[in-house]
Amino acid sequence: MSVDLNTVKKIASLARIAVTDDEAEALVPELNNILGWVEQLGEVDVTGVEPMTAVIPNHLRLRDDAVTDGNVREKVLANAPQAEHGFFTVPKVIE
């Protein structure tokens, strides 16, 4: 696949990027080089290689989802400027 000047201008328009004519001309060989590199990647034999998401193996450290600091409502509300009926009281935002 090859990119020409009109294609660069159309891509810039779709991406809502302001590109001058000189910048567009400079982007043509750069985009062609990038596409050539992507084509080279397509030639690599990856038979037997499993897809990976990272270079190193990552394992999630799972823990039990258990509440360990519950029943401290009164201590938490003691720090509140105002509290009513066991909840924080805040100023009304919408009138």
C-alpha atoms as a PDB file:
ATOM      1  CA  MET A   1       0.000   0.000   0.000  1.00  0.00           C
ATOM      2  CA  SER A   2       1.262   3.442  -0.867  1.00  0.00           C
ATOM      3  CA  VAL A   3       0.228   6.813   0.490  1.00  0.00           C
ATOM      4  CA  ASP A   4       0.083   9.875  -1.728  1.00  0.00           C
ATOM      5  CA  LEU A   5      -0.397  13.567  -0.996  1.00  0.00           C
ATOM      6  CA  ASN A   6      -4.198  13.437  -1.380  1.00  0.00           C
ATOM      7  CA  THR A   7      -4.428  10.531   1.057  1.00  0.00           C
ATOM      8  CA  VAL A   8      -2.378  12.434   3.660  1.00  0.00           C
ATOM      9  CA  LYS A   9      -4.629  15.465   3.304  1.00  0.00           C
ATOM     10  CA  LYS A  10      -7.753  13.303   3.628  1.00  0.00           C
ATOM     11  CA  ILE A  11      -6.372  11.570   6.753  1.00  0.00           C
ATOM     12  CA  ALA A  12      -5.514  14.962   8.262  1.00  0.00           C
ATOM     13  CA  SER A  13      -9.017  16.203   7.472  1.00  0.00           C
ATOM     14  CA  LEU A  14     -10.651  13.154   9.046  1.00  0.00           C
ATOM     15  CA  ALA A  15      -8.447  13.534  12.133  1.00  0.00           C
ATOM     16  CA  ARG A  16      -9.232  17.258  12.276  1.00  0.00           C
ATOM     17  CA  ILE A  17      -5.506  18.105  12.130  1.00  0.00           C
ATOM     18  CA  ALA A  18      -4.421  21.287  10.384  1.00  0.00           C
ATOM     19  CA  VAL A  19      -1.607  20.348   7.996  1.00  0.00           C
ATOM     20  CA  THR A  20       0.042  22.713   5.553  1.00  0.00           C
ATOM     21  CA  ASP A  21       1.007  21.566   2.067  1.00  0.00           C
ATOM     22  CA  ASP A  22       4.692  21.418   3.040  1.00  0.00           C
ATOM     23  CA  GLU A  23       3.908  19.325   6.131  1.00  0.00           C
ATOM     24  CA  ALA A  24       1.701  17.010   4.080  1.00  0.00           C
ATOM     25  CA  GLU A  25       4.505  16.475   1.549  1.00  0.00           C
ATOM     26  CA  ALA A  26       6.898  15.654   4.403  1.00  0.00           C
ATOM     27  CA  LEU A  27       4.412  13.149   5.852  1.00  0.00           C
ATOM     28  CA  VAL A  28       4.076  11.136   2.622  1.00  0.00           C
ATOM     29  CA  PRO A  29       7.457   9.331   2.881  1.00  0.00           C
ATOM     30  CA  GLU A  30       7.120   8.954   6.647  1.00  0.00           C
ATOM     31  CA  LEU A  31       3.746   7.236   6.359  1.00  0.00           C
ATOM     32  CA  ASN A  32       5.015   5.061   3.513  1.00  0.00           C
ATOM     33  CA  ASN A  33       7.974   3.983   5.688  1.00  0.00           C
ATOM     34  CA  ILE A  34       5.614   3.117   8.550  1.00  0.00           C
ATOM     35  CA  LEU A  35       3.363   1.075   6.246  1.00  0.00           C
ATOM     36  CA  GLY A  36       6.409  -0.696   4.827  1.00  0.00           C
ATOM     37  CA  TRP A  37       7.504  -1.635   8.328  1.00  0.00           C
ATOM     38  CA  VAL A  38       4.022  -2.984   9.109  1.00  0.00           C
ATOM     39  CA  GLU A  39       4.164  -5.084   5.927  1.00  0.00           C
ATOM     40  CA  GLN A  40       7.527  -6.476   7.097  1.00  0.00           C
ATOM     41  CA  LEU A  41       5.914  -7.503  10.380  1.00  0.00           C
ATOM     42  CA  GLY A  42       3.309  -9.437   8.396  1.00  0.00           C
ATOM     43  CA  GLU A  43       6.085 -11.560   6.872  1.00  0.00           C
ATOM     44  CA  VAL A  44       7.332 -12.824  10.242  1.00  0.00           C
ATOM     45  CA  ASP A  45       6.538 -16.491  10.916  1.00  0.00           C
ATOM     46  CA  VAL A  46       4.682 -16.620  14.235  1.00  0.00           C
ATOM     47  CA  THR A  47       3.533 -20.214  13.995  1.00  0.00           C
ATOM     48  CA  GLY A  48       3.356 -21.682  17.480  1.00  0.00           C
ATOM     49  CA  VAL A  49       3.813 -18.343  19.235  1.00  0.00           C
ATOM     50  CA  GLU A  50       0.955 -17.618  21.597  1.00  0.00           C
ATOM     51  CA  PRO A  51      -0.385 -14.059  21.805  1.00  0.00           C
ATOM     52  CA  MET A  52       0.829 -12.087  24.805  1.00  0.00           C
ATOM     53  CA  THR A  53      -0.125  -8.855  26.461  1.00  0.00           C
ATOM     54  CA  ALA A  54       3.223  -8.123  28.105  1.00  0.00           C
ATOM     55  CA  VAL A  55       6.856  -9.083  27.758  1.00  0.00           C
ATOM     56  CA  ILE A  56       7.005 -10.552  31.248  1.00  0.00           C
ATOM     57  CA  PRO A  57       4.386 -12.901  32.692  1.00  0.00           C
ATOM     58  CA  ASN A  58       1.964 -11.022  34.902  1.00  0.00           C
ATOM     59  CA  HIS A  59      -0.271 -12.749  37.399  1.00  0.00           C
ATOM     60  CA  LEU A  60      -3.026 -10.985  39.282  1.00  0.00           C
ATOM     61  CA  ARG A  61      -2.686 -11.211  43.012  1.00  0.00           C
ATOM     62  CA  LEU A  62      -6.147 -12.085  44.207  1.00  0.00           C
ATOM     63  CA  ARG A  63      -7.389 -11.709  47.742  1.00  0.00           C
ATOM     64  CA  ASP A  64     -10.654 -12.392  49.449  1.00  0.00           C
ATOM     65  CA  ASP A  65     -13.146  -9.573  49.079  1.00  0.00           C
ATOM     66  CA  ALA A  66     -13.893  -9.163  52.751  1.00  0.00           C
ATOM     67  CA  VAL A  67     -14.706  -6.066  54.785  1.00  0.00           C
ATOM     68  CA  THR A  68     -11.980  -5.613  57.353  1.00  0.00           C
ATOM     69  CA  ASP A  69     -12.732  -2.202  58.845  1.00  0.00           C
ATOM     70  CA  GLY A  70     -16.503  -1.982  59.095  1.00  0.00           C
ATOM     71  CA  ASN A  71     -18.730  -0.672  61.857  1.00  0.00           C
ATOM     72  CA  VAL A  72     -16.812   2.567  62.389  1.00  0.00           C
ATOM     73  CA  ARG A  73     -19.558   4.948  61.298  1.00  0.00           C
ATOM     74  CA  GLU A  74     -19.456   7.005  64.478  1.00  0.00           C
ATOM     75  CA  LYS A  75     -15.666   7.452  64.253  1.00  0.00           C
ATOM     76  CA  VAL A  76     -15.893   8.563  60.623  1.00  0.00           C
ATOM     77  CA  LEU A  77     -18.792  10.952  61.264  1.00  0.00           C
ATOM     78  CA  ALA A  78     -16.891  12.445  64.207  1.00  0.00           C
ATOM     79  CA  ASN A  79     -14.615  14.123  61.615  1.00  0.00           C
ATOM     80  CA  ALA A  80     -17.528  15.577  59.637  1.00  0.00           C
ATOM     81  CA  PRO A  81     -18.388  19.267  60.022  1.00  0.00           C
ATOM     82  CA  GLN A  82     -22.075  18.292  60.061  1.00  0.00           C
ATOM     83  CA  ALA A  83     -23.856  14.942  60.240  1.00  0.00           C
ATOM     84  CA  GLU A  84     -27.507  13.940  60.478  1.00  0.00           C
ATOM     85  CA  HIS A  85     -29.102  10.514  60.894  1.00  0.00           C
ATOM     86  CA  GLY A  86     -25.774   8.733  60.400  1.00  0.00           C
ATOM     87  CA  PHE A  87     -24.866  10.519  57.132  1.00  0.00           C
ATOM     88  CA  PHE A  88     -22.673  13.465  56.110  1.00  0.00           C
ATOM     89  CA  THR A  89     -24.575  16.712  55.717  1.00  0.00           C
ATOM     90  CA  VAL A  90     -23.496  18.792  52.710  1.00  0.00           C
ATOM     91  CA  PRO A  91     -24.724  22.096  51.326  1.00  0.00           C
ATOM     92  CA  LYS A  92     -27.445  21.973  48.702  1.00  0.00           C
ATOM     93  CA  VAL A  93     -25.946  22.359  45.222  1.00  0.00           C
ATOM     94  CA  ILE A  94     -29.027  22.494  42.999  1.00  0.00           C
ATOM     95  CA  GLU A  95     -31.850  24.860  43.810  1.00  0.00           C
END
